[in-house]
Amino acid sequence: MKDIREMNYLQKNNKLKAPGSFLSFGGGNRICPGADLAKLETSIFLHYFLLNYKLERINPGAPITYLPTPRPGDNCLAKITKV
């Protein structure tokens, strides 16, 4: 039996799955019945989190990496304080 970590990333023909092919809530006939609830709960959490906490970058002068997408070079470390 293969290692479970290998089985998650390999298709039946032992090729790696294409990047971006993962659907977090599935699709078609096998869509997750709680997908809409999970999205709603995430929205509510973000709403209250952003209203009640202040985010401050620890190193605002960090260099920016532009490829494949723009992002801070220090992984955007932040200090979180309650408002």
N, C-alpha and C. Protein backbone atom coordinates (compact mmCIF):
# COMPACT_ATOMS: atom_id res chain seq x y z
N MET A 1 0.84 -1.19 0.00
CA MET A 1 0.00 0.00 0.00
C MET A 1 0.88 1.24 0.00
N LYS A 2 0.50 2.22 -0.82
CA LYS A 2 1.28 3.45 -0.91
C LYS A 2 1.06 4.32 0.32
N ASP A 3 2.01 5.19 0.52
CA ASP A 3 1.89 6.17 1.59
C ASP A 3 0.69 7.07 1.29
N ILE A 4 -0.12 7.37 2.28
CA ILE A 4 -1.34 8.16 2.08
C ILE A 4 -1.02 9.54 1.53
N ARG A 5 0.13 10.11 1.88
CA ARG A 5 0.50 11.43 1.36
C ARG A 5 0.71 11.38 -0.15
N GLU A 6 1.28 10.28 -0.65
CA GLU A 6 1.48 10.14 -2.09
C GLU A 6 0.15 9.95 -2.80
N MET A 7 -0.76 9.19 -2.21
CA MET A 7 -2.03 8.88 -2.85
C MET A 7 -2.89 10.13 -3.04
N ASN A 8 -2.76 11.10 -2.16
CA ASN A 8 -3.57 12.31 -2.28
C ASN A 8 -3.21 13.15 -3.49
N TYR A 9 -1.97 13.06 -3.98
CA TYR A 9 -1.53 13.93 -5.06
C TYR A 9 -1.41 13.21 -6.40
N LEU A 10 -1.57 11.90 -6.41
CA LEU A 10 -1.42 11.14 -7.65
C LEU A 10 -2.77 10.70 -8.18
N GLN A 11 -2.91 10.75 -9.50
CA GLN A 11 -4.10 10.22 -10.14
C GLN A 11 -3.90 8.73 -10.34
N LYS A 12 -4.87 8.05 -10.95
CA LYS A 12 -4.78 6.60 -11.15
C LYS A 12 -3.61 6.22 -12.05
N ASN A 13 -3.20 7.12 -12.97
CA ASN A 13 -2.09 6.81 -13.86
C ASN A 13 -0.74 7.25 -13.28
N ASN A 14 -0.69 7.51 -11.98
CA ASN A 14 0.52 7.90 -11.25
C ASN A 14 1.11 9.23 -11.71
N LYS A 15 0.30 10.08 -12.33
CA LYS A 15 0.75 11.43 -12.69
C LYS A 15 0.22 12.40 -11.65
N LEU A 16 0.98 13.47 -11.44
CA LEU A 16 0.54 14.49 -10.48
C LEU A 16 -0.69 15.20 -11.02
N LYS A 17 -1.57 15.61 -10.13
CA LYS A 17 -2.75 16.36 -10.53
C LYS A 17 -2.33 17.75 -11.01
N ALA A 18 -3.09 18.31 -11.92
CA ALA A 18 -2.78 19.63 -12.46
C ALA A 18 -2.96 20.70 -11.39
N PRO A 19 -2.05 21.69 -11.36
CA PRO A 19 -2.21 22.78 -10.39
C PRO A 19 -3.54 23.50 -10.62
N GLY A 20 -4.20 23.87 -9.55
CA GLY A 20 -5.47 24.58 -9.65
C GLY A 20 -6.67 23.68 -9.88
N SER A 21 -6.47 22.36 -9.86
CA SER A 21 -7.59 21.45 -10.12
C SER A 21 -8.35 21.07 -8.85
N PHE A 22 -7.89 21.52 -7.70
CA PHE A 22 -8.55 21.21 -6.43
C PHE A 22 -9.77 22.10 -6.26
N LEU A 23 -10.92 21.52 -6.02
CA LEU A 23 -12.14 22.27 -5.74
C LEU A 23 -12.49 22.04 -4.27
N SER A 24 -12.40 23.08 -3.47
CA SER A 24 -12.56 22.90 -2.03
C SER A 24 -13.92 22.35 -1.62
N PHE A 25 -14.98 22.66 -2.34
CA PHE A 25 -16.30 22.17 -1.97
C PHE A 25 -16.86 21.20 -2.99
N GLY A 26 -16.01 20.71 -3.88
CA GLY A 26 -16.47 19.77 -4.89
C GLY A 26 -17.28 20.46 -5.97
N GLY A 27 -18.01 19.68 -6.72
CA GLY A 27 -18.83 20.25 -7.78
C GLY A 27 -19.76 19.21 -8.36
N GLY A 28 -20.70 19.66 -9.16
CA GLY A 28 -21.63 18.73 -9.80
C GLY A 28 -22.52 18.03 -8.79
N ASN A 29 -22.72 16.73 -8.99
CA ASN A 29 -23.60 15.95 -8.11
C ASN A 29 -23.02 15.75 -6.72
N ARG A 30 -21.71 15.93 -6.57
CA ARG A 30 -21.07 15.65 -5.28
C ARG A 30 -20.66 16.92 -4.55
N ILE A 31 -21.36 18.01 -4.81
CA ILE A 31 -21.02 19.27 -4.16
C ILE A 31 -21.32 19.18 -2.66
N CYS A 32 -20.52 19.84 -1.88
CA CYS A 32 -20.68 19.82 -0.42
C CYS A 32 -21.98 20.51 -0.03
N PRO A 33 -22.84 19.86 0.75
CA PRO A 33 -24.11 20.49 1.14
C PRO A 33 -23.91 21.68 2.07
N GLY A 34 -22.77 21.77 2.73
CA GLY A 34 -22.53 22.89 3.65
C GLY A 34 -21.68 23.99 3.05
N ALA A 35 -21.46 23.99 1.74
CA ALA A 35 -20.58 24.97 1.11
C ALA A 35 -21.07 26.40 1.34
N ASP A 36 -22.34 26.66 1.14
CA ASP A 36 -22.87 28.02 1.33
C ASP A 36 -22.76 28.45 2.78
N LEU A 37 -23.02 27.55 3.71
CA LEU A 37 -22.91 27.87 5.13
C LEU A 37 -21.45 28.19 5.49
N ALA A 38 -20.51 27.42 4.99
CA ALA A 38 -19.09 27.66 5.27
C ALA A 38 -18.65 29.02 4.73
N LYS A 39 -19.10 29.37 3.54
CA LYS A 39 -18.75 30.67 2.95
C LYS A 39 -19.37 31.81 3.76
N LEU A 40 -20.60 31.64 4.22
CA LEU A 40 -21.26 32.65 5.04
C LEU A 40 -20.53 32.83 6.37
N GLU A 41 -20.16 31.73 7.02
CA GLU A 41 -19.44 31.81 8.29
C GLU A 41 -18.09 32.49 8.12
N THR A 42 -17.41 32.22 7.02
CA THR A 42 -16.13 32.87 6.74
C THR A 42 -16.32 34.37 6.55
N SER A 43 -17.36 34.76 5.84
CA SER A 43 -17.65 36.19 5.64
C SER A 43 -17.94 36.89 6.96
N ILE A 44 -18.73 36.26 7.81
CA ILE A 44 -19.07 36.85 9.11
C ILE A 44 -17.82 36.98 9.98
N PHE A 45 -16.98 35.94 10.00
CA PHE A 45 -15.74 35.99 10.77
C PHE A 45 -14.86 37.14 10.30
N LEU A 46 -14.66 37.26 8.98
CA LEU A 46 -13.81 38.33 8.46
C LEU A 46 -14.39 39.70 8.79
N HIS A 47 -15.69 39.85 8.70
CA HIS A 47 -16.35 41.12 9.02
C HIS A 47 -16.03 41.55 10.45
N TYR A 48 -16.27 40.67 11.41
CA TYR A 48 -16.02 41.02 12.81
C TYR A 48 -14.53 41.14 13.12
N PHE A 49 -13.72 40.32 12.50
CA PHE A 49 -12.27 40.39 12.73
C PHE A 49 -11.72 41.73 12.26
N LEU A 50 -12.10 42.16 11.06
CA LEU A 50 -11.58 43.41 10.53
C LEU A 50 -12.14 44.63 11.25
N LEU A 51 -13.34 44.52 11.83
CA LEU A 51 -13.89 45.63 12.61
C LEU A 51 -13.27 45.74 14.00
N ASN A 52 -12.89 44.62 14.60
CA ASN A 52 -12.46 44.62 16.00
C ASN A 52 -10.96 44.48 16.22
N TYR A 53 -10.19 44.30 15.16
CA TYR A 53 -8.75 44.15 15.31
C TYR A 53 -8.03 45.04 14.32
N LYS A 54 -6.84 45.48 14.72
CA LYS A 54 -6.02 46.32 13.87
C LYS A 54 -4.83 45.49 13.40
N LEU A 55 -4.59 45.48 12.10
CA LEU A 55 -3.45 44.77 11.52
C LEU A 55 -2.38 45.79 11.16
N GLU A 56 -1.15 45.52 11.59
CA GLU A 56 -0.04 46.43 11.30
C GLU A 56 1.15 45.62 10.82
N ARG A 57 1.66 45.95 9.65
CA ARG A 57 2.81 45.21 9.12
C ARG A 57 4.02 45.44 10.00
N ILE A 58 4.75 44.39 10.30
CA ILE A 58 5.94 44.50 11.15
C ILE A 58 7.09 45.12 10.37
N ASN A 59 7.22 44.77 9.11
CA ASN A 59 8.32 45.27 8.29
C ASN A 59 7.77 45.89 7.01
N PRO A 60 7.25 47.14 7.08
CA PRO A 60 6.63 47.73 5.90
C PRO A 60 7.61 47.99 4.76
N GLY A 61 8.91 48.02 5.05
CA GLY A 61 9.90 48.27 4.01
C GLY A 61 10.43 47.01 3.35
N ALA A 62 9.79 45.87 3.57
CA ALA A 62 10.26 44.61 2.98
C ALA A 62 10.16 44.66 1.46
N PRO A 63 11.14 44.06 0.77
CA PRO A 63 11.07 44.06 -0.69
C PRO A 63 9.88 43.25 -1.19
N ILE A 64 9.40 43.62 -2.37
CA ILE A 64 8.24 42.94 -2.95
C ILE A 64 8.71 42.00 -4.05
N THR A 65 8.25 40.76 -4.01
CA THR A 65 8.50 39.78 -5.06
C THR A 65 7.33 39.88 -6.04
N TYR A 66 7.61 40.03 -7.34
CA TYR A 66 6.55 40.27 -8.30
C TYR A 66 6.08 39.04 -9.06
N LEU A 67 6.85 37.98 -9.06
CA LEU A 67 6.45 36.80 -9.83
C LEU A 67 6.31 35.60 -8.91
N PRO A 68 5.36 34.74 -9.04
CA PRO A 68 4.29 34.73 -10.03
C PRO A 68 3.19 35.75 -9.71
N THR A 69 3.05 36.18 -8.46
CA THR A 69 2.11 37.24 -8.10
C THR A 69 2.80 38.17 -7.12
N PRO A 70 2.43 39.44 -7.08
CA PRO A 70 3.07 40.37 -6.14
C PRO A 70 2.82 39.96 -4.69
N ARG A 71 3.89 39.91 -3.90
CA ARG A 71 3.76 39.59 -2.48
C ARG A 71 4.99 40.12 -1.75
N PRO A 72 4.86 40.46 -0.47
CA PRO A 72 6.00 40.94 0.30
C PRO A 72 7.04 39.84 0.47
N GLY A 73 8.30 40.22 0.49
CA GLY A 73 9.39 39.25 0.62
C GLY A 73 9.46 38.61 1.99
N ASP A 74 8.87 39.23 3.01
CA ASP A 74 8.93 38.68 4.37
C ASP A 74 7.66 37.91 4.74
N ASN A 75 6.88 37.49 3.75
CA ASN A 75 5.61 36.77 3.95
C ASN A 75 4.57 37.60 4.69
N CYS A 76 4.73 38.92 4.70
CA CYS A 76 3.75 39.86 5.26
C CYS A 76 3.46 39.58 6.74
N LEU A 77 4.50 39.58 7.54
CA LEU A 77 4.32 39.41 8.98
C LEU A 77 3.56 40.60 9.54
N ALA A 78 2.63 40.35 10.44
CA ALA A 78 1.79 41.43 10.96
C ALA A 78 1.62 41.32 12.46
N LYS A 79 1.39 42.47 13.07
CA LYS A 79 1.07 42.55 14.49
C LYS A 79 -0.44 42.78 14.58
N ILE A 80 -1.12 41.96 15.36
CA ILE A 80 -2.57 42.05 15.49
C ILE A 80 -2.90 42.54 16.89
N THR A 81 -3.65 43.65 16.97
CA THR A 81 -4.05 44.19 18.27
C THR A 81 -5.56 44.40 18.28
N LYS A 82 -6.18 44.21 19.43
CA LYS A 82 -7.62 44.42 19.58
C LYS A 82 -7.89 45.92 19.66
N VAL A 83 -8.92 46.37 18.94
CA VAL A 83 -9.27 47.80 18.91
C VAL A 83 -10.05 48.16 20.15
